[in-house]
N, C-alpha and C. Protein backbone atom coordinates (compact mmCIF):
# COMPACT_ATOMS: atom_id res chain seq x y z
N UNK A 1 15.40 15.44 -28.75
CA UNK A 1 15.80 14.67 -27.51
C UNK A 1 17.39 14.34 -27.46
N UNK A 2 17.99 14.92 -26.29
CA UNK A 2 19.45 15.21 -25.77
C UNK A 2 20.06 13.70 -25.74
N UNK A 3 21.42 13.92 -25.87
CA UNK A 3 22.49 12.52 -26.06
C UNK A 3 21.98 11.64 -25.01
N UNK A 4 22.17 12.04 -23.86
CA UNK A 4 21.66 11.31 -22.74
C UNK A 4 20.64 10.47 -22.75
N UNK A 5 19.59 11.21 -23.38
CA UNK A 5 17.97 10.78 -23.37
C UNK A 5 18.20 9.57 -24.39
N UNK A 6 18.53 10.01 -25.78
CA UNK A 6 18.56 9.20 -26.48
C UNK A 6 19.51 7.78 -26.33
N UNK A 7 20.28 7.96 -25.38
CA UNK A 7 21.31 6.55 -25.07
C UNK A 7 20.24 5.97 -24.48
N UNK A 8 19.34 6.46 -23.44
CA UNK A 8 18.45 5.94 -22.44
C UNK A 8 17.54 5.01 -23.01
N UNK A 9 16.75 5.96 -23.98
CA UNK A 9 15.85 5.26 -24.54
C UNK A 9 16.25 4.25 -25.52
N UNK A 10 17.31 4.28 -26.00
CA UNK A 10 18.11 2.97 -26.75
C UNK A 10 17.85 1.83 -25.94
N UNK A 11 18.30 2.15 -24.73
CA UNK A 11 18.85 0.84 -23.80
C UNK A 11 17.44 0.32 -22.98
N UNK A 12 16.45 1.32 -23.02
CA UNK A 12 15.11 0.68 -22.41
C UNK A 12 14.22 -0.12 -23.76
N UNK A 13 14.63 0.62 -24.80
CA UNK A 13 13.92 -0.55 -25.98
C UNK A 13 14.71 -1.70 -26.21
N UNK A 14 15.85 -1.69 -26.12
CA UNK A 14 16.69 -2.98 -26.63
C UNK A 14 16.60 -4.03 -25.38
N UNK A 15 16.16 -3.14 -23.98
CA UNK A 15 16.15 -4.33 -22.79
C UNK A 15 14.68 -4.89 -23.22
N UNK A 16 14.00 -4.33 -23.50
CA UNK A 16 12.43 -5.16 -23.86
C UNK A 16 12.55 -5.92 -24.64
N UNK A 17 13.20 -5.74 -25.93
CA UNK A 17 13.24 -6.83 -27.06
C UNK A 17 14.39 -7.64 -26.73
N UNK A 18 15.38 -7.60 -25.86
CA UNK A 18 16.30 -8.77 -25.38
C UNK A 18 15.52 -9.75 -24.49
N UNK A 19 14.88 -9.31 -23.61
CA UNK A 19 13.75 -10.00 -22.73
C UNK A 19 12.57 -10.67 -23.33
N UNK A 20 12.04 -10.29 -24.32
CA UNK A 20 10.97 -10.89 -24.91
C UNK A 20 11.49 -11.77 -25.83
N UNK A 21 12.48 -11.45 -26.68
CA UNK A 21 12.79 -12.28 -27.99
C UNK A 21 14.37 -13.16 -27.63
N UNK A 22 15.47 -12.49 -26.48
CA UNK A 22 16.39 -12.92 -26.49
C UNK A 22 17.23 -12.49 -27.58
N UNK A 23 18.54 -12.64 -27.24
CA UNK A 23 20.04 -11.85 -27.93
C UNK A 23 19.87 -12.11 -29.24
N UNK A 24 20.19 -13.51 -29.71
CA UNK A 24 20.43 -14.06 -31.04
C UNK A 24 19.06 -13.59 -31.90
N UNK A 25 17.92 -13.54 -31.35
CA UNK A 25 16.68 -13.07 -32.48
C UNK A 25 16.56 -11.62 -32.76
N UNK A 26 17.08 -10.70 -31.79
CA UNK A 26 17.43 -9.57 -32.10
C UNK A 26 18.56 -8.56 -32.60
N UNK A 27 18.41 -8.29 -33.57
CA UNK A 27 19.61 -7.50 -34.35
C UNK A 27 19.72 -5.99 -34.24
N UNK A 28 20.94 -5.33 -34.56
CA UNK A 28 21.00 -4.15 -34.07
C UNK A 28 20.08 -3.24 -34.72
N UNK A 29 19.63 -3.49 -36.22
CA UNK A 29 18.69 -3.13 -36.92
C UNK A 29 17.36 -2.83 -36.27
N UNK A 30 16.83 -3.80 -35.57
CA UNK A 30 15.69 -4.38 -34.84
C UNK A 30 15.62 -3.09 -33.66
N UNK A 31 16.86 -3.07 -33.11
CA UNK A 31 16.74 -2.10 -32.06
C UNK A 31 16.85 -0.60 -32.40
N UNK A 32 17.25 -0.38 -33.65
CA UNK A 32 17.49 0.90 -34.23
C UNK A 32 16.05 1.19 -34.49
N UNK A 33 15.38 0.20 -35.44
CA UNK A 33 14.00 0.58 -35.66
C UNK A 33 12.99 0.60 -34.25
N UNK A 34 13.26 -0.27 -33.23
CA UNK A 34 12.42 -0.04 -32.05
C UNK A 34 12.81 1.40 -31.22
N UNK A 35 14.06 1.89 -31.18
CA UNK A 35 14.37 3.21 -30.99
C UNK A 35 13.82 4.45 -31.49
N UNK A 36 13.56 4.03 -32.76
CA UNK A 36 13.44 5.05 -33.56
C UNK A 36 14.71 6.16 -33.91
N UNK A 37 15.74 5.24 -34.03
CA UNK A 37 17.19 6.03 -34.66
C UNK A 37 17.74 5.05 -35.97
N UNK A 38 18.38 5.66 -36.79
CA UNK A 38 18.96 5.02 -37.75
C UNK A 38 20.17 4.15 -37.25
N UNK A 39 20.41 2.87 -37.90
CA UNK A 39 21.39 2.03 -37.50
C UNK A 39 22.91 2.55 -37.33
N UNK A 40 23.12 3.82 -38.29
CA UNK A 40 24.42 4.64 -37.99
C UNK A 40 24.49 5.17 -36.55
N UNK A 41 23.06 5.90 -36.15
CA UNK A 41 23.05 6.55 -35.17
C UNK A 41 23.24 5.58 -34.08
N UNK A 42 22.74 4.40 -33.94
CA UNK A 42 22.94 3.44 -33.23
C UNK A 42 24.26 3.26 -32.62
N UNK A 43 25.04 3.16 -33.96
CA UNK A 43 26.47 2.50 -33.51
C UNK A 43 27.30 3.79 -33.12
N UNK A 44 26.88 5.04 -33.05
CA UNK A 44 27.55 5.82 -32.60
C UNK A 44 27.37 5.93 -31.12
N UNK A 45 26.32 5.18 -30.73
CA UNK A 45 26.43 5.03 -29.12
C UNK A 45 26.83 3.64 -28.58
N UNK A 46 26.77 2.48 -29.58
CA UNK A 46 26.98 1.30 -28.93
C UNK A 46 28.05 0.85 -30.42
N UNK A 47 29.38 0.07 -29.91
CA UNK A 47 30.17 -0.20 -30.79
C UNK A 47 29.97 -1.11 -31.62
N UNK A 48 29.09 -2.25 -30.76
CA UNK A 48 28.77 -3.35 -31.37
C UNK A 48 27.61 -4.22 -30.39
N UNK A 49 27.06 -5.20 -31.17
CA UNK A 49 25.90 -5.77 -30.16
C UNK A 49 26.27 -6.35 -28.99
N UNK A 50 27.41 -6.86 -28.82
CA UNK A 50 27.67 -7.34 -27.27
C UNK A 50 27.91 -5.99 -26.41
N UNK A 51 28.13 -5.12 -26.86
CA UNK A 51 28.43 -3.77 -26.22
C UNK A 51 26.95 -3.37 -25.74
N UNK A 52 26.18 -3.36 -26.71
CA UNK A 52 24.74 -3.16 -26.38
C UNK A 52 23.94 -3.98 -25.44
N UNK A 53 24.20 -5.01 -25.49
CA UNK A 53 23.66 -6.19 -24.73
C UNK A 53 24.25 -5.94 -23.25
N UNK A 54 25.69 -5.54 -22.91
CA UNK A 54 26.22 -5.36 -21.63
C UNK A 54 25.67 -4.06 -20.97
N UNK A 55 25.43 -3.32 -21.85
CA UNK A 55 24.93 -2.07 -21.22
C UNK A 55 23.52 -1.83 -20.91
N UNK A 56 22.69 -2.75 -21.93
CA UNK A 56 21.58 -2.75 -21.41
C UNK A 56 21.30 -3.74 -20.23
N UNK A 57 21.98 -4.82 -20.07
CA UNK A 57 21.85 -5.31 -18.43
C UNK A 57 22.36 -4.63 -17.47
N UNK A 58 23.13 -3.64 -17.78
CA UNK A 58 23.85 -2.94 -16.54
C UNK A 58 22.62 -1.82 -16.38
N UNK A 59 21.96 -1.21 -17.24
CA UNK A 59 21.17 -0.29 -17.22
C UNK A 59 19.89 -0.98 -16.42
N UNK A 60 19.49 -1.95 -16.51
CA UNK A 60 18.27 -2.42 -16.15
C UNK A 60 18.30 -2.92 -14.62
N UNK A 61 19.61 -3.79 -14.71
CA UNK A 61 19.77 -4.18 -13.12
C UNK A 61 20.30 -3.40 -12.28
N UNK A 62 21.14 -2.40 -12.42
CA UNK A 62 21.66 -1.33 -11.65
C UNK A 62 20.36 -0.19 -11.34
N UNK A 63 19.40 0.13 -12.19
CA UNK A 63 18.45 0.82 -12.04
C UNK A 63 17.69 -0.04 -10.67
N UNK A 64 17.53 -1.17 -11.01
CA UNK A 64 16.40 -2.01 -10.13
C UNK A 64 17.04 -2.31 -8.93
N UNK A 65 18.23 -2.34 -8.57
CA UNK A 65 19.14 -2.92 -7.46
C UNK A 65 19.38 -1.73 -6.63
N UNK A 66 19.48 -0.63 -7.17
CA UNK A 66 19.72 0.53 -6.39
C UNK A 66 18.81 0.89 -5.24
N UNK A 67 17.10 0.63 -5.27
CA UNK A 67 16.37 0.53 -3.98
C UNK A 67 16.93 -0.32 -3.02
N UNK A 68 17.30 -1.80 -3.54
CA UNK A 68 17.68 -2.89 -2.27
C UNK A 68 18.60 -2.27 -1.51
N UNK A 69 19.86 -1.61 -2.31
CA UNK A 69 20.77 -1.27 -1.37
C UNK A 69 20.23 -0.33 -0.41
N UNK A 70 19.53 0.83 -0.67
CA UNK A 70 18.76 1.36 0.30
C UNK A 70 17.95 0.91 1.45
N UNK A 71 17.31 -0.03 0.92
CA UNK A 71 16.57 -0.84 2.07
C UNK A 71 17.39 -1.59 3.03
N UNK A 72 18.36 -2.44 2.44
CA UNK A 72 19.09 -2.89 3.40
C UNK A 72 20.24 -2.28 4.42
N UNK A 73 20.38 -0.77 3.97
CA UNK A 73 21.28 -0.02 4.94
C UNK A 73 20.22 0.89 5.38
N UNK A 74 18.90 0.94 5.50
CA UNK A 74 17.85 1.79 6.17
C UNK A 74 18.05 1.39 7.78
N UNK A 75 17.34 2.59 8.41
CA UNK A 75 17.27 2.00 10.04
C UNK A 75 16.51 1.01 10.21
N UNK A 76 17.01 0.87 11.61
CA UNK A 76 16.30 -0.57 11.98
C UNK A 76 17.03 -1.85 12.62
N UNK A 77 16.19 -2.61 13.12
CA UNK A 77 17.17 -4.01 13.44
C UNK A 77 17.39 -4.78 12.36
N UNK A 78 18.53 -6.07 12.41
CA UNK A 78 18.77 -6.37 11.10
C UNK A 78 17.56 -7.18 10.69
N UNK A 79 16.58 -7.76 11.59
CA UNK A 79 15.43 -8.76 11.08
C UNK A 79 14.55 -8.00 10.20
N UNK A 80 14.39 -6.62 10.77
CA UNK A 80 13.54 -5.79 10.02
C UNK A 80 13.83 -5.46 8.58
N UNK A 81 15.06 -5.34 8.56
CA UNK A 81 15.79 -4.89 7.23
C UNK A 81 16.12 -6.00 6.12
N UNK A 82 16.21 -7.28 7.02
CA UNK A 82 16.38 -8.44 6.12
C UNK A 82 14.92 -8.82 5.62
N UNK A 83 13.60 -8.64 6.12
CA UNK A 83 12.28 -8.55 6.01
C UNK A 83 11.94 -8.07 4.74
N UNK A 84 12.24 -6.52 4.92
CA UNK A 84 12.28 -5.81 3.70
C UNK A 84 13.00 -5.96 2.45
N UNK A 85 14.20 -6.31 2.65
CA UNK A 85 14.98 -6.86 1.47
C UNK A 85 14.03 -8.15 0.81
N UNK A 86 13.55 -9.12 1.39
CA UNK A 86 13.34 -10.17 1.24
C UNK A 86 11.88 -10.00 0.08
N UNK A 87 11.18 -9.28 0.77
CA UNK A 87 9.95 -8.62 -0.15
C UNK A 87 10.08 -7.68 -1.03
N UNK A 88 11.30 -7.07 -1.03
CA UNK A 88 11.26 -6.25 -2.23
C UNK A 88 11.77 -7.07 -3.75
N UNK A 89 12.77 -7.79 -3.18
CA UNK A 89 13.41 -8.74 -4.05
C UNK A 89 12.50 -9.65 -4.60
N UNK A 90 11.86 -10.29 -3.93
CA UNK A 90 10.68 -11.38 -4.32
C UNK A 90 9.57 -10.31 -5.22
N UNK A 91 9.20 -9.07 -4.98
CA UNK A 91 8.47 -8.46 -5.74
C UNK A 91 8.88 -8.12 -6.96
N UNK A 92 10.33 -7.68 -7.11
CA UNK A 92 11.21 -7.47 -8.16
C UNK A 92 11.10 -8.75 -9.13
N UNK A 93 11.20 -9.88 -8.62
CA UNK A 93 11.47 -11.36 -9.37
C UNK A 93 9.98 -11.62 -10.06
N UNK A 94 9.28 -11.32 -9.23
CA UNK A 94 7.74 -11.80 -9.61
C UNK A 94 7.16 -10.77 -10.54
N UNK A 95 7.41 -9.51 -10.30
CA UNK A 95 6.20 -8.42 -10.59
C UNK A 95 7.16 -8.00 -12.33
N UNK A 96 8.50 -7.70 -12.09
CA UNK A 96 9.15 -6.90 -13.41
C UNK A 96 9.81 -7.84 -14.10
N UNK A 97 8.79 -8.40 -15.48
CA UNK A 97 9.35 -9.27 -16.25
C UNK A 97 10.42 -8.94 -17.13
N UNK A 98 10.75 -7.57 -17.35
CA UNK A 98 12.03 -7.64 -18.16
C UNK A 98 13.49 -7.67 -17.00
N UNK A 99 13.13 -7.58 -15.69
CA UNK A 99 13.99 -7.68 -14.87
C UNK A 99 14.39 -9.28 -14.88
N UNK A 100 13.55 -9.65 -14.37
CA UNK A 100 13.57 -11.52 -14.11
C UNK A 100 13.59 -12.29 -15.11
N UNK A 101 13.09 -11.87 -16.45
CA UNK A 101 13.68 -12.49 -17.84
C UNK A 101 15.43 -12.33 -18.12
N UNK A 102 15.84 -11.04 -17.84
CA UNK A 102 17.09 -11.01 -18.40
C UNK A 102 18.09 -11.45 -17.48
N UNK A 103 17.68 -11.56 -16.26
CA UNK A 103 18.71 -12.22 -15.06
C UNK A 103 18.58 -13.77 -15.14
N UNK A 104 17.37 -14.31 -15.67
CA UNK A 104 17.22 -16.07 -15.75
C UNK A 104 18.01 -16.14 -16.88
N UNK A 105 17.86 -15.17 -18.07
CA UNK A 105 18.46 -15.51 -19.28
C UNK A 105 20.09 -15.82 -19.19
N UNK A 106 20.68 -14.67 -18.45
CA UNK A 106 21.93 -14.36 -17.92
C UNK A 106 22.35 -15.89 -17.37
N UNK A 107 21.90 -16.35 -16.22
CA UNK A 107 21.96 -17.50 -15.52
C UNK A 107 22.14 -18.67 -16.40
N UNK A 108 21.20 -18.48 -17.10
CA UNK A 108 20.79 -20.02 -18.35
C UNK A 108 22.04 -19.90 -19.03
N UNK A 109 22.15 -18.66 -19.59
CA UNK A 109 23.07 -18.52 -20.90
C UNK A 109 24.67 -18.97 -20.34
N UNK A 110 24.96 -18.70 -19.02
CA UNK A 110 26.12 -18.98 -18.45
C UNK A 110 27.45 -18.33 -19.24
N UNK A 111 27.20 -17.05 -19.82
CA UNK A 111 28.28 -16.49 -20.57
C UNK A 111 29.48 -15.74 -19.45
N UNK A 112 30.44 -16.30 -19.40
CA UNK A 112 31.86 -16.00 -18.26
C UNK A 112 31.79 -14.39 -18.61
N UNK A 113 31.95 -13.90 -19.55
CA UNK A 113 32.48 -12.54 -19.72
C UNK A 113 31.64 -11.99 -19.04
N UNK A 114 30.10 -12.09 -19.57
CA UNK A 114 28.53 -11.05 -19.08
C UNK A 114 28.75 -11.41 -17.89
N UNK A 115 28.80 -12.62 -17.27
CA UNK A 115 28.45 -12.90 -15.95
C UNK A 115 29.38 -12.02 -14.77
N UNK A 116 30.83 -12.10 -15.29
CA UNK A 116 31.94 -11.45 -14.55
C UNK A 116 31.59 -10.09 -14.38
N UNK A 117 31.17 -9.42 -15.51
CA UNK A 117 30.84 -7.86 -15.83
C UNK A 117 29.94 -7.36 -14.86
N UNK A 118 28.77 -8.49 -14.62
CA UNK A 118 27.59 -7.93 -13.90
C UNK A 118 28.29 -8.27 -12.40
N UNK A 119 28.80 -9.26 -12.43
CA UNK A 119 29.20 -9.37 -11.00
C UNK A 119 29.95 -8.33 -10.36
N UNK A 120 30.85 -8.03 -10.89
CA UNK A 120 31.72 -6.65 -10.69
C UNK A 120 31.29 -5.55 -10.62
N UNK A 121 30.32 -5.03 -11.66
CA UNK A 121 29.93 -4.00 -11.80
C UNK A 121 28.48 -3.75 -11.29
N UNK A 122 27.52 -4.72 -11.10
CA UNK A 122 26.26 -4.62 -10.53
C UNK A 122 25.92 -5.07 -9.55
N UNK A 123 25.92 -6.26 -9.31
CA UNK A 123 25.67 -6.99 -8.06
C UNK A 123 26.81 -7.32 -6.73
N UNK A 124 27.96 -6.65 -7.11
CA UNK A 124 28.72 -6.82 -5.97
C UNK A 124 28.53 -6.18 -4.61
N UNK A 125 28.02 -4.88 -5.05
CA UNK A 125 27.73 -4.13 -4.08
C UNK A 125 26.33 -4.58 -3.17
N UNK A 126 25.42 -4.94 -3.56
CA UNK A 126 24.14 -5.20 -2.81
C UNK A 126 24.47 -6.50 -2.12
N UNK A 127 25.06 -7.47 -2.91
CA UNK A 127 25.58 -9.07 -2.23
C UNK A 127 26.18 -8.69 -0.86
N UNK A 128 27.04 -7.41 -1.01
CA UNK A 128 28.27 -7.57 0.14
C UNK A 128 27.41 -6.84 1.15
N UNK A 129 26.46 -6.53 0.89
CA UNK A 129 25.38 -5.61 2.07
C UNK A 129 24.61 -6.40 2.50
N UNK A 130 24.10 -7.75 1.81
CA UNK A 130 23.51 -8.76 2.48
C UNK A 130 24.24 -9.69 3.27
N UNK A 131 25.46 -9.80 2.73
CA UNK A 131 26.20 -10.67 3.78
C UNK A 131 26.50 -9.98 4.76
N UNK A 132 26.73 -8.93 4.99
CA UNK A 132 27.07 -8.09 6.19
C UNK A 132 25.73 -8.04 7.47
N UNK A 133 24.49 -8.08 6.43
CA UNK A 133 23.22 -7.92 7.33
C UNK A 133 23.00 -9.38 7.53
N UNK A 134 23.49 -10.43 6.97
CA UNK A 134 23.35 -11.90 7.73
C UNK A 134 24.20 -12.21 8.70
N UNK A 135 25.42 -11.71 8.77
CA UNK A 135 26.55 -11.43 9.78
C UNK A 135 26.16 -10.86 10.99
N UNK A 136 25.10 -9.51 10.48
CA UNK A 136 24.58 -9.03 11.98
C UNK A 136 23.50 -9.78 12.51
N UNK A 137 22.60 -10.44 11.54
CA UNK A 137 21.32 -10.97 12.03
C UNK A 137 21.70 -12.19 12.83
N UNK A 138 22.42 -12.94 12.58
CA UNK A 138 22.78 -14.55 13.15
C UNK A 138 24.17 -14.69 13.34
N UNK A 139 24.65 -15.87 14.09
CA UNK A 139 25.80 -16.40 14.07
C UNK A 139 25.97 -17.32 12.96
N UNK A 140 26.55 -17.23 12.15
CA UNK A 140 26.98 -18.58 11.00
C UNK A 140 28.51 -18.58 10.61
N UNK A 141 28.83 -19.53 10.63
CA UNK A 141 30.24 -19.64 10.07
C UNK A 141 30.50 -19.29 8.53
N UNK A 142 29.58 -19.17 7.96
CA UNK A 142 29.79 -18.70 6.44
C UNK A 142 28.46 -17.98 5.91
N UNK A 143 28.59 -16.84 6.10
CA UNK A 143 27.35 -15.69 5.84
C UNK A 143 27.23 -15.59 4.49
N UNK A 144 28.43 -15.92 3.53
CA UNK A 144 28.37 -15.84 2.23
C UNK A 144 27.66 -17.15 1.59
N UNK A 145 27.58 -18.21 2.30
CA UNK A 145 26.83 -19.15 1.69
C UNK A 145 25.40 -19.29 2.15
N UNK A 146 25.12 -18.75 3.48
CA UNK A 146 23.86 -18.58 3.80
C UNK A 146 23.08 -17.27 2.60
N UNK A 147 23.68 -16.21 2.49
CA UNK A 147 23.36 -15.29 1.29
C UNK A 147 23.06 -15.73 0.12
N UNK A 148 24.19 -16.70 -0.38
CA UNK A 148 23.87 -17.28 -1.82
C UNK A 148 22.37 -18.27 -1.55
N UNK A 149 22.11 -18.92 -0.44
CA UNK A 149 21.08 -19.58 -0.22
C UNK A 149 19.83 -19.00 -0.33
N UNK A 150 19.98 -18.05 0.48
CA UNK A 150 18.46 -17.08 0.27
C UNK A 150 18.21 -16.43 -1.17
N UNK A 151 19.39 -16.08 -1.77
CA UNK A 151 19.00 -15.62 -3.13
C UNK A 151 18.31 -16.70 -4.09
N UNK A 152 19.13 -17.81 -3.65
CA UNK A 152 18.78 -18.99 -4.63
C UNK A 152 17.43 -19.25 -4.34
N UNK A 153 16.95 -19.36 -3.02
CA UNK A 153 15.37 -19.71 -2.53
C UNK A 153 14.59 -18.87 -3.27
N UNK A 154 14.93 -17.68 -3.52
CA UNK A 154 14.08 -16.62 -3.98
C UNK A 154 13.96 -16.82 -5.66
N UNK A 155 14.93 -17.08 -6.12
CA UNK A 155 15.08 -17.22 -7.95
C UNK A 155 14.43 -18.49 -8.00
N UNK A 156 14.50 -19.18 -7.11
CA UNK A 156 13.81 -20.71 -7.19
C UNK A 156 12.24 -20.71 -7.15
N UNK A 157 11.59 -19.95 -6.14
CA UNK A 157 10.11 -19.88 -5.92
C UNK A 157 9.75 -18.85 -7.21
N UNK A 158 10.66 -17.90 -7.67
CA UNK A 158 10.11 -17.04 -9.11
C UNK A 158 10.08 -18.24 -10.19
N UNK A 159 10.98 -18.75 -10.22
CA UNK A 159 11.18 -19.51 -11.66
C UNK A 159 9.94 -20.85 -11.39
N UNK A 160 9.55 -21.37 -10.13
CA UNK A 160 8.82 -22.44 -10.18
C UNK A 160 7.21 -22.03 -9.97
N UNK A 161 7.17 -20.58 -9.85
CA UNK A 161 5.85 -20.10 -9.28
C UNK A 161 4.69 -20.41 -10.43
N UNK A 162 5.08 -20.51 -11.61
CA UNK A 162 4.35 -20.81 -12.78
C UNK A 162 3.54 -22.14 -12.90
N UNK A 163 4.40 -23.16 -12.60
CA UNK A 163 4.19 -24.63 -12.19
C UNK A 163 3.42 -24.92 -10.96
N UNK A 164 3.92 -24.22 -9.96
CA UNK A 164 3.83 -24.66 -8.40
C UNK A 164 2.03 -24.44 -8.49
N UNK A 165 1.75 -23.13 -9.07
CA UNK A 165 0.19 -22.75 -8.97
C UNK A 165 -0.85 -23.94 -9.50
N UNK A 166 -0.09 -24.95 -10.29
CA UNK A 166 -1.10 -25.84 -10.54
C UNK A 166 -0.94 -27.25 -9.79
N UNK A 167 -0.21 -27.30 -8.92
CA UNK A 167 -0.42 -28.36 -8.35
C UNK A 167 -1.30 -28.38 -7.15
N UNK A 168 -1.61 -29.32 -6.42
CA UNK A 168 -2.74 -29.06 -5.78
C UNK A 168 -2.38 -28.56 -4.29
N UNK A 169 -1.21 -28.91 -4.08
CA UNK A 169 -0.61 -27.95 -2.68
C UNK A 169 -0.38 -26.70 -3.07
N UNK A 170 0.02 -26.06 -4.66
CA UNK A 170 0.53 -24.73 -4.65
C UNK A 170 -0.67 -23.70 -4.71
N UNK A 171 -1.18 -23.48 -3.64
CA UNK A 171 -2.19 -22.72 -3.77
C UNK A 171 -1.51 -20.99 -4.10
N UNK A 172 -2.54 -20.01 -4.33
CA UNK A 172 -1.91 -18.92 -4.65
C UNK A 172 -1.18 -18.24 -3.59
N UNK A 173 -1.86 -18.15 -2.40
CA UNK A 173 -1.13 -17.63 -1.33
C UNK A 173 0.10 -18.07 -0.76
N UNK A 174 0.70 -19.12 -1.54
CA UNK A 174 1.79 -19.76 -0.88
C UNK A 174 2.91 -18.97 -1.82
N UNK A 175 2.43 -18.37 -2.98
CA UNK A 175 3.63 -18.19 -4.01
C UNK A 175 3.62 -16.80 -4.14
N UNK A 176 2.98 -15.82 -3.38
CA UNK A 176 3.11 -14.26 -3.19
C UNK A 176 4.32 -13.85 -2.81
N UNK A 177 4.80 -12.45 -3.30
CA UNK A 177 6.29 -11.86 -2.58
C UNK A 177 5.73 -12.07 -0.99
N UNK A 178 4.79 -11.88 -0.53
CA UNK A 178 4.46 -11.70 1.06
C UNK A 178 4.65 -13.23 1.59
N UNK A 179 4.08 -14.35 1.08
CA UNK A 179 4.09 -15.64 1.53
C UNK A 179 5.53 -15.84 1.39
N UNK A 180 6.45 -15.61 0.27
CA UNK A 180 7.71 -16.38 0.31
C UNK A 180 8.84 -15.55 1.27
N UNK A 181 8.12 -14.25 1.53
CA UNK A 181 9.24 -13.51 2.56
C UNK A 181 8.88 -13.98 4.01
N UNK A 182 7.51 -14.35 4.30
CA UNK A 182 6.99 -14.71 5.55
C UNK A 182 7.91 -16.22 5.83
N UNK A 183 7.66 -16.96 5.01
CA UNK A 183 8.12 -18.26 5.09
C UNK A 183 9.89 -18.34 5.36
N UNK A 184 10.43 -17.69 4.45
CA UNK A 184 12.02 -17.54 4.75
C UNK A 184 12.06 -16.76 5.88
N UNK A 185 11.44 -15.59 6.18
CA UNK A 185 11.80 -15.14 7.57
C UNK A 185 11.21 -16.19 8.96
N UNK A 186 10.68 -16.92 8.53
CA UNK A 186 10.22 -18.11 9.92
C UNK A 186 11.52 -19.01 9.81
N UNK A 187 11.94 -19.48 8.48
CA UNK A 187 13.23 -20.09 8.51
C UNK A 187 14.57 -19.45 9.40
N UNK A 188 14.58 -18.29 9.03
CA UNK A 188 15.72 -17.63 9.52
C UNK A 188 15.46 -17.48 11.07
N UNK A 189 14.55 -16.81 11.60
CA UNK A 189 14.35 -17.12 13.11
C UNK A 189 14.41 -18.06 13.63
N UNK A 190 14.05 -19.04 13.08
CA UNK A 190 14.08 -20.75 13.39
C UNK A 190 15.76 -20.96 13.62
N UNK A 191 16.41 -20.24 12.64
CA UNK A 191 18.26 -20.63 12.92
C UNK A 191 18.50 -19.87 14.01
N UNK A 192 17.98 -18.43 14.15
CA UNK A 192 18.34 -17.69 15.13
C UNK A 192 18.30 -18.17 16.67
N UNK A 193 17.07 -18.82 16.59
CA UNK A 193 16.58 -19.32 18.19
C UNK A 193 17.45 -20.45 18.40
N UNK A 194 17.71 -21.45 17.47
CA UNK A 194 18.25 -22.69 17.50
C UNK A 194 19.91 -22.15 18.02
N UNK A 195 20.42 -21.20 17.13
CA UNK A 195 21.68 -20.80 17.27
C UNK A 195 21.98 -20.33 19.12
N UNK A 196 20.80 -19.30 19.41
CA UNK A 196 20.98 -19.02 20.79
C UNK A 196 20.75 -19.71 21.76
N UNK A 197 19.88 -20.85 21.33
CA UNK A 197 19.99 -22.02 22.36
C UNK A 197 21.45 -22.92 22.54
N UNK A 198 21.93 -23.00 21.44
CA UNK A 198 23.22 -23.63 21.40
C UNK A 198 24.58 -22.76 22.00
N UNK A 199 24.13 -21.54 22.10
CA UNK A 199 25.24 -20.51 22.63
C UNK A 199 24.68 -20.74 24.01
N UNK A 200 23.55 -20.63 24.42
CA UNK A 200 23.26 -20.61 25.85
C UNK A 200 23.76 -22.18 26.64
N UNK A 201 23.70 -23.20 25.94
CA UNK A 201 23.64 -24.44 26.42
C UNK A 201 25.16 -24.52 26.69
N UNK A 202 26.38 -24.10 25.74
CA UNK A 202 27.65 -23.99 25.92
C UNK A 202 28.10 -23.16 27.06
N UNK A 203 27.28 -21.93 27.33
CA UNK A 203 27.74 -20.97 28.21
C UNK A 203 27.30 -21.53 29.80
N UNK A 204 26.37 -22.50 29.76
CA UNK A 204 26.13 -23.05 31.25
C UNK A 204 26.53 -24.09 31.22
N UNK A 205 27.34 -24.84 30.45
CA UNK A 205 28.21 -26.17 30.58
C UNK A 205 29.28 -26.06 31.53
C-alpha cells in the first residue's frame, strides 16, 4: 500500500472509531490496530492524537461537502439549485452516520480551535456559496442570517428525527429528506412571494 493510500486508510479507520466511540475513548493504539499499522508508523503520519482528530474531520467533511459546492454552482435558476442543495444536505445528515455523528460531536464539544479550523478550511467555501445563492433567490437584508437559519433547520430536523418518529404527529413521511426539502422550499417561496408583494406595493404607492 502506497504512502497516500496508507494515510487515507488510517483516516477512514480513525473517523469510524471517533464517530462510534468518541475522541476520549479512542487511543492512538486503537487507531493503529484498526488500521493495521504499528503505533510507530501511525506517528510517522500524525504527530499526535489532536493532529489525527483534525485531519480525520477535514478528511470526512471535505470529501462530503465537495458535491454540495458542485450542486450549488450547477446550472439552473436559484430556486432549483436551492432545492438540490437542501435535498442533498438533508440526505447527507440523515443517511451518512459518520458525517452526521462527527459534525454533531464537534458542535456539542464546542472546541474553539477545532471549530475555527473546520470553519476556515472546510465549511467557509460552501457556506459563502449558500449565502450568495440566498442573495440571488430573494430579497433579504441579511442573507447570512437566512443561511444560518436554513442550516440550523436542517441540523435540527436530523437531530430530532429519532424522537419525532414516536410522536403521534411525527409520521415517517414528515421526516424524510424529501419532506424536509419540500417544507423548507415552501417556506422560502412564501418569503419570495411576500417580498415581491411588498415591493409591488411600494412601487405602486
